[in-house]
Amino acid sequence: MELIIGISGASGAGYGIRLLEILKETEIKIHLIMTKAAEEIIQTETDHDPEEIRKLADFVWDENDFSAPIASGSYKTAGMIIAPCSMKTLGQVAGGISDNLLVRAADVCLKEERKLILMVRETPLSLVHLENMVAAKKAGATIMPACPGFYSRPESIDDLFNIMAGRALDLAGVENHIYKRWKEE
């Protein structure tokens, strides 16, 4: 199984990083696309270095590399998770504007009817944001706002990252036990 992880320039880079850390411990081959804006956010919000993040993936693609295999529908993957997904990236996905590899890979998932999970990160939401979410949903994406539940009584930011990463992996069909599910002992 191969899965694409995209990290865009929205706040919440820790969500994408946590997904990569979890997937690194599996047999799943990981393709990573990290935008330049994401690299800046990672350095602002975390103690991680973007080069360190790249080492968590099996394949790392530059956001401008349209020759990457994941730019083609003939290259099989199980789908893609963009975490976090900026409103810019959401708008590009919703509008079918594939001007970088991150959005092209998302477009490929939509056209090939593969899973595309967009962990959108913004607040408050404008009407444009909401309409773009509806358009992306109608095209086949799963819209997953970065809104962790609190029934598991998270005690740290890492717990919140685990909740959202685990939920995203559930949606992608990846078995995991990273977070406590509702009424789970």
C-alpha atoms as a PDB file:
ATOM      1  CA  MET A   1       0.000   0.000   0.000  1.00  0.00           C
ATOM      2  CA  GLU A   2       1.198   3.503  -0.841  1.00  0.00           C
ATOM      3  CA  LEU A   3      -0.246   6.698   0.622  1.00  0.00           C
ATOM      4  CA  ILE A   4       0.452  10.329  -0.203  1.00  0.00           C
ATOM      5  CA  ILE A   5       0.816  12.825   2.637  1.00  0.00           C
ATOM      6  CA  GLY A   6       0.658  16.499   1.763  1.00  0.00           C
ATOM      7  CA  ILE A   7       1.597  19.247   4.180  1.00  0.00           C
ATOM      8  CA  SER A   8       0.463  22.692   3.039  1.00  0.00           C
ATOM      9  CA  GLY A   9       1.122  26.108   4.541  1.00  0.00           C
ATOM     10  CA  ALA A  10      -1.713  26.213   7.059  1.00  0.00           C
ATOM     11  CA  SER A  11      -1.148  26.385  10.784  1.00  0.00           C
ATOM     12  CA  GLY A  12      -1.170  22.918  12.317  1.00  0.00           C
ATOM     13  CA  ALA A  13       1.898  21.361  10.706  1.00  0.00           C
ATOM     14  CA  GLY A  14       2.035  18.982  13.680  1.00  0.00           C
ATOM     15  CA  TYR A  15      -0.923  17.070  12.235  1.00  0.00           C
ATOM     16  CA  GLY A  16       1.015  16.129   9.110  1.00  0.00           C
ATOM     17  CA  ILE A  17       4.165  15.410  11.072  1.00  0.00           C
ATOM     18  CA  ARG A  18       2.287  13.063  13.397  1.00  0.00           C
ATOM     19  CA  LEU A  19       0.773  11.216  10.433  1.00  0.00           C
ATOM     20  CA  LEU A  20       4.256  10.677   9.024  1.00  0.00           C
ATOM     21  CA  GLU A  21       5.577   9.439  12.384  1.00  0.00           C
ATOM     22  CA  ILE A  22       2.733   6.926  12.701  1.00  0.00           C
ATOM     23  CA  LEU A  23       2.994   5.698   9.115  1.00  0.00           C
ATOM     24  CA  LYS A  24       6.771   5.318   9.399  1.00  0.00           C
ATOM     25  CA  GLU A  25       6.100   2.443  11.833  1.00  0.00           C
ATOM     26  CA  THR A  26       3.997   0.558   9.243  1.00  0.00           C
ATOM     27  CA  GLU A  27       4.647  -1.278   5.992  1.00  0.00           C
ATOM     28  CA  ILE A  28       2.888   1.509   4.065  1.00  0.00           C
ATOM     29  CA  LYS A  29       5.059   3.354   1.540  1.00  0.00           C
ATOM     30  CA  ILE A  30       4.800   7.090   2.151  1.00  0.00           C
ATOM     31  CA  HIS A  31       4.993   9.773  -0.532  1.00  0.00           C
ATOM     32  CA  LEU A  32       5.491  13.272   0.896  1.00  0.00           C
ATOM     33  CA  ILE A  33       4.817  16.620  -0.701  1.00  0.00           C
ATOM     34  CA  MET A  34       5.645  19.548   1.558  1.00  0.00           C
ATOM     35  CA  THR A  35       5.142  23.066   0.236  1.00  0.00           C
ATOM     36  CA  LYS A  36       7.631  25.867   0.817  1.00  0.00           C
ATOM     37  CA  ALA A  37       5.015  27.589   2.986  1.00  0.00           C
ATOM     38  CA  ALA A  38       4.706  24.372   5.026  1.00  0.00           C
ATOM     39  CA  GLU A  39       8.457  24.394   5.640  1.00  0.00           C
ATOM     40  CA  GLU A  40       8.193  27.914   7.032  1.00  0.00           C
ATOM     41  CA  ILE A  41       5.246  26.962   9.263  1.00  0.00           C
ATOM     42  CA  ILE A  42       7.091  23.877  10.543  1.00  0.00           C
ATOM     43  CA  GLN A  43      10.013  26.051  11.608  1.00  0.00           C
ATOM     44  CA  THR A  44       7.642  28.563  13.248  1.00  0.00           C
ATOM     45  CA  GLU A  45       5.337  26.133  15.057  1.00  0.00           C
ATOM     46  CA  THR A  46       7.547  23.163  15.920  1.00  0.00           C
ATOM     47  CA  ASP A  47      11.017  22.153  17.032  1.00  0.00           C
ATOM     48  CA  HIS A  48      11.362  20.048  13.844  1.00  0.00           C
ATOM     49  CA  ASP A  49      13.542  20.807  10.873  1.00  0.00           C
ATOM     50  CA  PRO A  50      11.960  20.202   7.423  1.00  0.00           C
ATOM     51  CA  GLU A  51      14.899  17.962   6.480  1.00  0.00           C
ATOM     52  CA  GLU A  52      14.128  15.792   9.517  1.00  0.00           C
ATOM     53  CA  ILE A  53      10.484  15.567   8.382  1.00  0.00           C
ATOM     54  CA  ARG A  54      11.526  14.443   4.895  1.00  0.00           C
ATOM     55  CA  LYS A  55      13.372  11.469   6.435  1.00  0.00           C
ATOM     56  CA  LEU A  56      10.021  10.103   7.672  1.00  0.00           C
ATOM     57  CA  ALA A  57       8.873   9.439   4.098  1.00  0.00           C
ATOM     58  CA  ASP A  58       9.913   6.777   1.604  1.00  0.00           C
ATOM     59  CA  PHE A  59       9.562   9.200  -1.315  1.00  0.00           C
ATOM     60  CA  VAL A  60       9.829  12.982  -1.121  1.00  0.00           C
ATOM     61  CA  TRP A  61       8.629  15.096  -4.017  1.00  0.00           C
ATOM     62  CA  ASP A  62       9.257  18.761  -4.687  1.00  0.00           C
ATOM     63  CA  GLU A  63       6.021  20.699  -5.024  1.00  0.00           C
ATOM     64  CA  ASN A  64       7.048  21.725  -8.556  1.00  0.00           C
ATOM     65  CA  ASP A  65       7.971  18.228  -9.808  1.00  0.00           C
ATOM     66  CA  PHE A  66       5.213  17.305 -12.243  1.00  0.00           C
ATOM     67  CA  SER A  67       7.301  14.328 -13.434  1.00  0.00           C
ATOM     68  CA  ALA A  68       6.740  12.543 -10.096  1.00  0.00           C
ATOM     69  CA  PRO A  69       4.845   9.272 -10.565  1.00  0.00           C
ATOM     70  CA  ILE A  70       2.050  10.446  -8.241  1.00  0.00           C
ATOM     71  CA  ALA A  71       1.198  13.152 -10.820  1.00  0.00           C
ATOM     72  CA  SER A  72      -0.322  10.413 -12.994  1.00  0.00           C
ATOM     73  CA  GLY A  73      -3.475   8.405 -12.489  1.00  0.00           C
ATOM     74  CA  SER A  74      -1.713   5.329 -13.874  1.00  0.00           C
ATOM     75  CA  TYR A  75       0.458   5.245 -10.733  1.00  0.00           C
ATOM     76  CA  LYS A  76      -1.548   3.419  -8.069  1.00  0.00           C
ATOM     77  CA  THR A  77      -1.832   4.725  -4.529  1.00  0.00           C
ATOM     78  CA  ALA A  78      -4.437   4.201  -1.827  1.00  0.00           C
ATOM     79  CA  GLY A  79      -5.096   7.938  -1.771  1.00  0.00           C
ATOM     80  CA  MET A  80      -3.945  11.101  -0.097  1.00  0.00           C
ATOM     81  CA  ILE A  81      -4.242  13.030   3.151  1.00  0.00           C
ATOM     82  CA  ILE A  82      -3.450  16.751   3.174  1.00  0.00           C
ATOM     83  CA  ALA A  83      -2.790  17.734   6.785  1.00  0.00           C
ATOM     84  CA  PRO A  84      -3.059  20.555   7.353  1.00  0.00           C
ATOM     85  CA  CYS A  85      -4.904  21.769   4.277  1.00  0.00           C
ATOM     86  CA  SER A  86      -4.725  25.527   3.809  1.00  0.00           C
ATOM     87  CA  MET A  87      -7.642  27.465   2.391  1.00  0.00           C
ATOM     88  CA  LYS A  88      -5.462  28.190  -0.663  1.00  0.00           C
ATOM     89  CA  THR A  89      -4.963  24.465  -1.256  1.00  0.00           C
ATOM     90  CA  LEU A  90      -8.653  23.780  -0.633  1.00  0.00           C
ATOM     91  CA  GLY A  91      -9.595  26.461  -3.174  1.00  0.00           C
ATOM     92  CA  GLN A  92      -7.220  24.978  -5.744  1.00  0.00           C
ATOM     93  CA  VAL A  93      -8.608  21.459  -5.175  1.00  0.00           C
ATOM     94  CA  ALA A  94     -12.197  22.734  -5.357  1.00  0.00           C
ATOM     95  CA  GLY A  95     -11.454  24.655  -8.549  1.00  0.00           C
ATOM     96  CA  GLY A  96      -9.370  21.969 -10.251  1.00  0.00           C
ATOM     97  CA  ILE A  97      -6.339  24.278 -10.375  1.00  0.00           C
ATOM     98  CA  SER A  98      -3.314  21.987 -10.418  1.00  0.00           C
ATOM     99  CA  ASP A  99      -0.449  24.460 -10.446  1.00  0.00           C
ATOM    100  CA  ASN A 100       1.779  22.397  -8.144  1.00  0.00           C
ATOM    101  CA  LEU A 101       2.311  18.710  -7.384  1.00  0.00           C
ATOM    102  CA  LEU A 102       0.384  18.858  -4.099  1.00  0.00           C
ATOM    103  CA  VAL A 103      -2.803  19.906  -5.871  1.00  0.00           C
ATOM    104  CA  ARG A 104      -2.104  17.745  -8.938  1.00  0.00           C
ATOM    105  CA  ALA A 105      -1.805  14.631  -6.747  1.00  0.00           C
ATOM    106  CA  ALA A 106      -5.085  15.593  -5.049  1.00  0.00           C
ATOM    107  CA  ASP A 107      -6.698  16.073  -8.468  1.00  0.00           C
ATOM    108  CA  VAL A 108      -5.441  12.631  -9.512  1.00  0.00           C
ATOM    109  CA  CYS A 109      -7.090  11.116  -6.426  1.00  0.00           C
ATOM    110  CA  LEU A 110     -10.385  12.769  -7.325  1.00  0.00           C
ATOM    111  CA  LYS A 111     -10.339  11.773 -10.995  1.00  0.00           C
ATOM    112  CA  GLU A 112      -9.310   8.202 -10.179  1.00  0.00           C
ATOM    113  CA  GLU A 113     -11.903   8.030  -7.359  1.00  0.00           C
ATOM    114  CA  ARG A 114      -9.294   7.394  -4.691  1.00  0.00           C
ATOM    115  CA  LYS A 115      -9.541   8.649  -1.144  1.00  0.00           C
ATOM    116  CA  LEU A 116      -8.680  12.296  -0.663  1.00  0.00           C
ATOM    117  CA  ILE A 117      -8.864  13.581   2.901  1.00  0.00           C
ATOM    118  CA  LEU A 118      -8.506  17.323   3.443  1.00  0.00           C
ATOM    119  CA  MET A 119      -7.748  18.250   7.058  1.00  0.00           C
ATOM    120  CA  VAL A 120      -8.775  21.863   6.633  1.00  0.00           C
ATOM    121  CA  ARG A 121      -7.379  24.376   9.112  1.00  0.00           C
ATOM    122  CA  GLU A 122      -8.861  27.835   9.426  1.00  0.00           C
ATOM    123  CA  THR A 123     -11.163  29.743  11.725  1.00  0.00           C
ATOM    124  CA  PRO A 124     -13.521  31.425  11.371  1.00  0.00           C
ATOM    125  CA  LEU A 125     -14.682  30.201   7.980  1.00  0.00           C
ATOM    126  CA  SER A 126     -15.830  32.610   5.287  1.00  0.00           C
ATOM    127  CA  LEU A 127     -18.560  31.826   2.796  1.00  0.00           C
ATOM    128  CA  VAL A 128     -15.839  31.274   0.171  1.00  0.00           C
ATOM    129  CA  HIS A 129     -14.185  28.664   2.431  1.00  0.00           C
ATOM    130  CA  LEU A 130     -17.492  26.884   3.001  1.00  0.00           C
ATOM    131  CA  GLU A 131     -18.384  26.896  -0.696  1.00  0.00           C
ATOM    132  CA  ASN A 132     -14.950  25.501  -1.555  1.00  0.00           C
ATOM    133  CA  MET A 133     -15.491  22.718   0.994  1.00  0.00           C
ATOM    134  CA  VAL A 134     -18.838  21.886  -0.620  1.00  0.00           C
ATOM    135  CA  ALA A 135     -17.264  21.892  -4.098  1.00  0.00           C
ATOM    136  CA  ALA A 136     -14.413  19.618  -2.958  1.00  0.00           C
ATOM    137  CA  LYS A 137     -16.897  17.286  -1.241  1.00  0.00           C
ATOM    138  CA  LYS A 138     -19.049  17.121  -4.374  1.00  0.00           C
ATOM    139  CA  ALA A 139     -15.909  16.226  -6.340  1.00  0.00           C
ATOM    140  CA  GLY A 140     -15.247  13.290  -3.996  1.00  0.00           C
ATOM    141  CA  ALA A 141     -12.996  14.622  -1.225  1.00  0.00           C
ATOM    142  CA  THR A 142     -13.574  14.016   2.459  1.00  0.00           C
ATOM    143  CA  ILE A 143     -13.558  17.263   4.399  1.00  0.00           C
ATOM    144  CA  MET A 144     -12.062  16.756   7.848  1.00  0.00           C
ATOM    145  CA  PRO A 145     -11.709  19.967   9.853  1.00  0.00           C
ATOM    146  CA  ALA A 146      -8.883  19.841  12.369  1.00  0.00           C
ATOM    147  CA  CYS A 147     -11.327  19.671  15.290  1.00  0.00           C
ATOM    148  CA  PRO A 148     -10.352  16.946  17.763  1.00  0.00           C
ATOM    149  CA  GLY A 149     -12.908  15.469  20.126  1.00  0.00           C
ATOM    150  CA  PHE A 150     -12.433  15.816  23.859  1.00  0.00           C
ATOM    151  CA  TYR A 151     -14.342  12.760  25.152  1.00  0.00           C
ATOM    152  CA  SER A 152     -11.018  10.915  25.510  1.00  0.00           C
ATOM    153  CA  ARG A 153      -9.815  13.683  27.841  1.00  0.00           C
ATOM    154  CA  PRO A 154      -6.621  14.634  26.000  1.00  0.00           C
ATOM    155  CA  GLU A 155      -3.873  15.815  28.308  1.00  0.00           C
ATOM    156  CA  SER A 156      -1.417  17.271  25.795  1.00  0.00           C
ATOM    157  CA  ILE A 157      -1.089  18.774  22.355  1.00  0.00           C
ATOM    158  CA  ASP A 158       0.359  15.422  21.255  1.00  0.00           C
ATOM    159  CA  ASP A 159      -2.900  13.755  22.337  1.00  0.00           C
ATOM    160  CA  LEU A 160      -4.798  16.200  20.104  1.00  0.00           C
ATOM    161  CA  PHE A 161      -2.481  15.431  17.165  1.00  0.00           C
ATOM    162  CA  ASN A 162      -3.015  11.705  17.789  1.00  0.00           C
ATOM    163  CA  ILE A 163      -6.794  12.058  17.744  1.00  0.00           C
ATOM    164  CA  MET A 164      -6.803  13.815  14.395  1.00  0.00           C
ATOM    165  CA  ALA A 165      -4.081  11.630  12.863  1.00  0.00           C
ATOM    166  CA  GLY A 166      -5.898   8.493  13.983  1.00  0.00           C
ATOM    167  CA  ARG A 167      -9.201   9.721  12.568  1.00  0.00           C
ATOM    168  CA  ALA A 168      -7.559  10.618   9.245  1.00  0.00           C
ATOM    169  CA  LEU A 169      -5.959   7.173   9.066  1.00  0.00           C
ATOM    170  CA  ASP A 170      -9.327   5.580   9.837  1.00  0.00           C
ATOM    171  CA  LEU A 171     -10.810   7.456   6.881  1.00  0.00           C
ATOM    172  CA  ALA A 172      -7.897   6.336   4.680  1.00  0.00           C
ATOM    173  CA  GLY A 173      -8.516   2.703   5.669  1.00  0.00           C
ATOM    174  CA  VAL A 174      -5.332   2.383   7.716  1.00  0.00           C
ATOM    175  CA  GLU A 175      -5.714   0.307  10.889  1.00  0.00           C
ATOM    176  CA  ASN A 176      -4.416   2.146  13.929  1.00  0.00           C
ATOM    177  CA  HIS A 177      -4.749   2.383  17.697  1.00  0.00           C
ATOM    178  CA  ILE A 178      -3.327   5.861  18.099  1.00  0.00           C
ATOM    179  CA  TYR A 179      -6.288   7.399  19.894  1.00  0.00           C
ATOM    180  CA  LYS A 180      -9.111   6.354  22.185  1.00  0.00           C
ATOM    181  CA  ARG A 181     -12.364   5.901  20.294  1.00  0.00           C
ATOM    182  CA  TRP A 182     -15.789   6.735  21.701  1.00  0.00           C
ATOM    183  CA  LYS A 183     -16.683   4.423  24.600  1.00  0.00           C
ATOM    184  CA  GLU A 184     -13.524   2.373  24.027  1.00  0.00           C
ATOM    185  CA  GLU A 185     -11.983   0.844  27.148  1.00  0.00           C
END
